[in-house]
C-alpha cells in the first residue's frame, strides 16, 4: 500500500509465481518471476499517513519507525482458496 509496482509480472491464474523480497536496512526490493517490480527506501517515509511524494497513506505511524526485525507474516487478503505457499526460504543477509 506504499508504492505501486512498476510492472505487472504475475503469471496467469493457476500458474505458480515466484517472489523474491530482499530487505537490507531500510531498502526493500521486490522481484516477481525474476523481474524487479518495486524498490523502496523505507527511511524516506518520515511522516505518519504521508508518502514521500506528499500523497496520503493508511499508516498512522511513519514507516521509518516500524520494526526492522521481528516476525514474518503471510496473508491471503480473505481469499484462502486462491492462495497457496510452497518452497518458502528465509535467509539472513550479511
C-alpha atoms as a PDB file:
ATOM      1  CA  UNK A   1       0.000   0.000   0.000  1.00  0.00           C
ATOM      2  CA  UNK A   2       3.010   2.331  -0.035  1.00  0.00           C
ATOM      3  CA  UNK A   3       4.171   2.222  -3.632  1.00  0.00           C
ATOM      4  CA  UNK A   4       2.563   0.782  -6.756  1.00  0.00           C
ATOM      5  CA  UNK A   5       4.520  -1.868  -8.681  1.00  0.00           C
ATOM      6  CA  UNK A   6       6.433  -0.656 -11.732  1.00  0.00           C
ATOM      7  CA  UNK A   7       5.170  -3.561 -13.853  1.00  0.00           C
ATOM      8  CA  UNK A   8       2.735  -6.461 -13.555  1.00  0.00           C
ATOM      9  CA  UNK A   9       4.902  -9.585 -13.735  1.00  0.00           C
ATOM     10  CA  UNK A  10       2.282 -12.016 -12.358  1.00  0.00           C
ATOM     11  CA  UNK A  11       1.583 -15.195 -14.323  1.00  0.00           C
ATOM     12  CA  UNK A  12      -1.955 -16.142 -15.405  1.00  0.00           C
ATOM     13  CA  UNK A  13      -4.321 -17.671 -12.824  1.00  0.00           C
ATOM     14  CA  UNK A  14      -3.482 -21.264 -11.997  1.00  0.00           C
ATOM     15  CA  UNK A  15       0.271 -20.876 -12.538  1.00  0.00           C
ATOM     16  CA  UNK A  16       2.836 -20.566  -9.736  1.00  0.00           C
ATOM     17  CA  UNK A  17       4.557 -17.212  -9.252  1.00  0.00           C
ATOM     18  CA  UNK A  18       7.993 -16.742  -7.710  1.00  0.00           C
ATOM     19  CA  UNK A  19       8.601 -13.811  -5.382  1.00  0.00           C
ATOM     20  CA  UNK A  20      11.914 -12.613  -4.001  1.00  0.00           C
ATOM     21  CA  UNK A  21      11.841  -9.920  -1.339  1.00  0.00           C
ATOM     22  CA  UNK A  22      15.213  -8.530  -0.300  1.00  0.00           C
ATOM     23  CA  UNK A  23      15.472  -6.320   2.769  1.00  0.00           C
ATOM     24  CA  UNK A  24      18.774  -4.594   3.561  1.00  0.00           C
ATOM     25  CA  UNK A  25      18.319  -1.978   6.235  1.00  0.00           C
ATOM     26  CA  UNK A  26      15.578   0.353   5.018  1.00  0.00           C
ATOM     27  CA  UNK A  27      15.911  -0.789   1.378  1.00  0.00           C
ATOM     28  CA  UNK A  28      13.259  -3.204   0.091  1.00  0.00           C
ATOM     29  CA  UNK A  29      13.428  -4.771  -3.382  1.00  0.00           C
ATOM     30  CA  UNK A  30      10.599  -6.965  -4.688  1.00  0.00           C
ATOM     31  CA  UNK A  31      11.021  -9.265  -7.685  1.00  0.00           C
ATOM     32  CA  UNK A  32       8.203 -11.299  -9.230  1.00  0.00           C
ATOM     33  CA  UNK A  33       9.093 -14.106 -11.625  1.00  0.00           C
ATOM     34  CA  UNK A  34      12.626 -12.719 -11.978  1.00  0.00           C
ATOM     35  CA  UNK A  35      11.506  -9.175 -12.810  1.00  0.00           C
ATOM     36  CA  UNK A  36      12.055  -6.246 -10.424  1.00  0.00           C
ATOM     37  CA  UNK A  37       8.630  -4.760  -9.760  1.00  0.00           C
ATOM     38  CA  UNK A  38       9.304  -2.474  -6.809  1.00  0.00           C
ATOM     39  CA  UNK A  39      12.076  -0.829  -4.847  1.00  0.00           C
ATOM     40  CA  UNK A  40      11.698   1.484  -1.871  1.00  0.00           C
ATOM     41  CA  UNK A  41      13.831   3.113   0.781  1.00  0.00           C
ATOM     42  CA  UNK A  42      11.569   2.997   3.835  1.00  0.00           C
ATOM     43  CA  UNK A  43      13.658   5.701   5.523  1.00  0.00           C
ATOM     44  CA  UNK A  44      12.001   8.162   3.104  1.00  0.00           C
ATOM     45  CA  UNK A  45       8.590   7.652   4.760  1.00  0.00           C
ATOM     46  CA  UNK A  46       9.167  10.098   7.621  1.00  0.00           C
ATOM     47  CA  UNK A  47       5.615  11.279   8.396  1.00  0.00           C
ATOM     48  CA  UNK A  48       2.515   9.411   9.596  1.00  0.00           C
ATOM     49  CA  UNK A  49      -0.178   8.953   6.912  1.00  0.00           C
ATOM     50  CA  UNK A  50       2.087  10.528   4.266  1.00  0.00           C
ATOM     51  CA  UNK A  51       4.179   9.200   1.386  1.00  0.00           C
ATOM     52  CA  UNK A  52       7.432  10.925   0.327  1.00  0.00           C
ATOM     53  CA  UNK A  53       5.619  12.434  -2.688  1.00  0.00           C
ATOM     54  CA  UNK A  54       3.089  14.105  -0.353  1.00  0.00           C
ATOM     55  CA  UNK A  55       0.190  11.744  -1.071  1.00  0.00           C
ATOM     56  CA  UNK A  56      -1.670  10.069   1.795  1.00  0.00           C
ATOM     57  CA  UNK A  57      -1.328   6.513   3.037  1.00  0.00           C
ATOM     58  CA  UNK A  58      -3.217   4.471   5.647  1.00  0.00           C
ATOM     59  CA  UNK A  59      -0.391   4.101   8.178  1.00  0.00           C
ATOM     60  CA  UNK A  60      -0.788   6.160  11.373  1.00  0.00           C
ATOM     61  CA  UNK A  61       2.934   5.873  12.100  1.00  0.00           C
ATOM     62  CA  UNK A  62       5.890   6.897   9.940  1.00  0.00           C
ATOM     63  CA  UNK A  63       7.091   3.795   8.072  1.00  0.00           C
ATOM     64  CA  UNK A  64      10.713   4.569   9.009  1.00  0.00           C
ATOM     65  CA  UNK A  65       9.695   3.933  12.628  1.00  0.00           C
ATOM     66  CA  UNK A  66       8.349   0.418  12.016  1.00  0.00           C
ATOM     67  CA  UNK A  67      10.345  -2.508  13.430  1.00  0.00           C
ATOM     68  CA  UNK A  68      13.212  -3.712  11.255  1.00  0.00           C
ATOM     69  CA  UNK A  69      13.275  -7.115  12.933  1.00  0.00           C
ATOM     70  CA  UNK A  70      10.534  -9.469  14.027  1.00  0.00           C
ATOM     71  CA  UNK A  71       8.031 -11.948  12.730  1.00  0.00           C
ATOM     72  CA  UNK A  72       7.262 -12.557   9.082  1.00  0.00           C
ATOM     73  CA  UNK A  73       3.564 -12.769   8.266  1.00  0.00           C
ATOM     74  CA  UNK A  74       1.898 -14.248   5.190  1.00  0.00           C
ATOM     75  CA  UNK A  75      -1.577 -13.075   4.247  1.00  0.00           C
ATOM     76  CA  UNK A  76      -4.265 -14.047   1.778  1.00  0.00           C
ATOM     77  CA  UNK A  77      -6.482 -10.920   1.708  1.00  0.00           C
ATOM     78  CA  UNK A  78      -9.520 -13.024   2.627  1.00  0.00           C
ATOM     79  CA  UNK A  79      -9.338 -15.470  -0.274  1.00  0.00           C
ATOM     80  CA  UNK A  80      -7.559 -18.525   1.180  1.00  0.00           C
ATOM     81  CA  UNK A  81      -8.717 -20.855  -1.620  1.00  0.00           C
ATOM     82  CA  UNK A  82      -6.909 -18.698  -4.196  1.00  0.00           C
ATOM     83  CA  UNK A  83      -3.548 -18.576  -2.460  1.00  0.00           C
ATOM     84  CA  UNK A  84      -1.027 -21.248  -1.574  1.00  0.00           C
ATOM     85  CA  UNK A  85       2.599 -21.080  -0.482  1.00  0.00           C
ATOM     86  CA  UNK A  86       5.352 -23.560  -1.238  1.00  0.00           C
ATOM     87  CA  UNK A  87       9.148 -23.687  -1.026  1.00  0.00           C
ATOM     88  CA  UNK A  88       9.456 -20.752   1.380  1.00  0.00           C
ATOM     89  CA  UNK A  89      13.057 -19.862   2.147  1.00  0.00           C
ATOM     90  CA  UNK A  90      14.293 -17.228   4.543  1.00  0.00           C
ATOM     91  CA  UNK A  91      17.941 -16.290   4.683  1.00  0.00           C
ATOM     92  CA  UNK A  92      19.721 -13.722   6.822  1.00  0.00           C
ATOM     93  CA  UNK A  93      21.954 -11.460   4.733  1.00  0.00           C
ATOM     94  CA  UNK A  94      25.390 -10.131   5.686  1.00  0.00           C
END
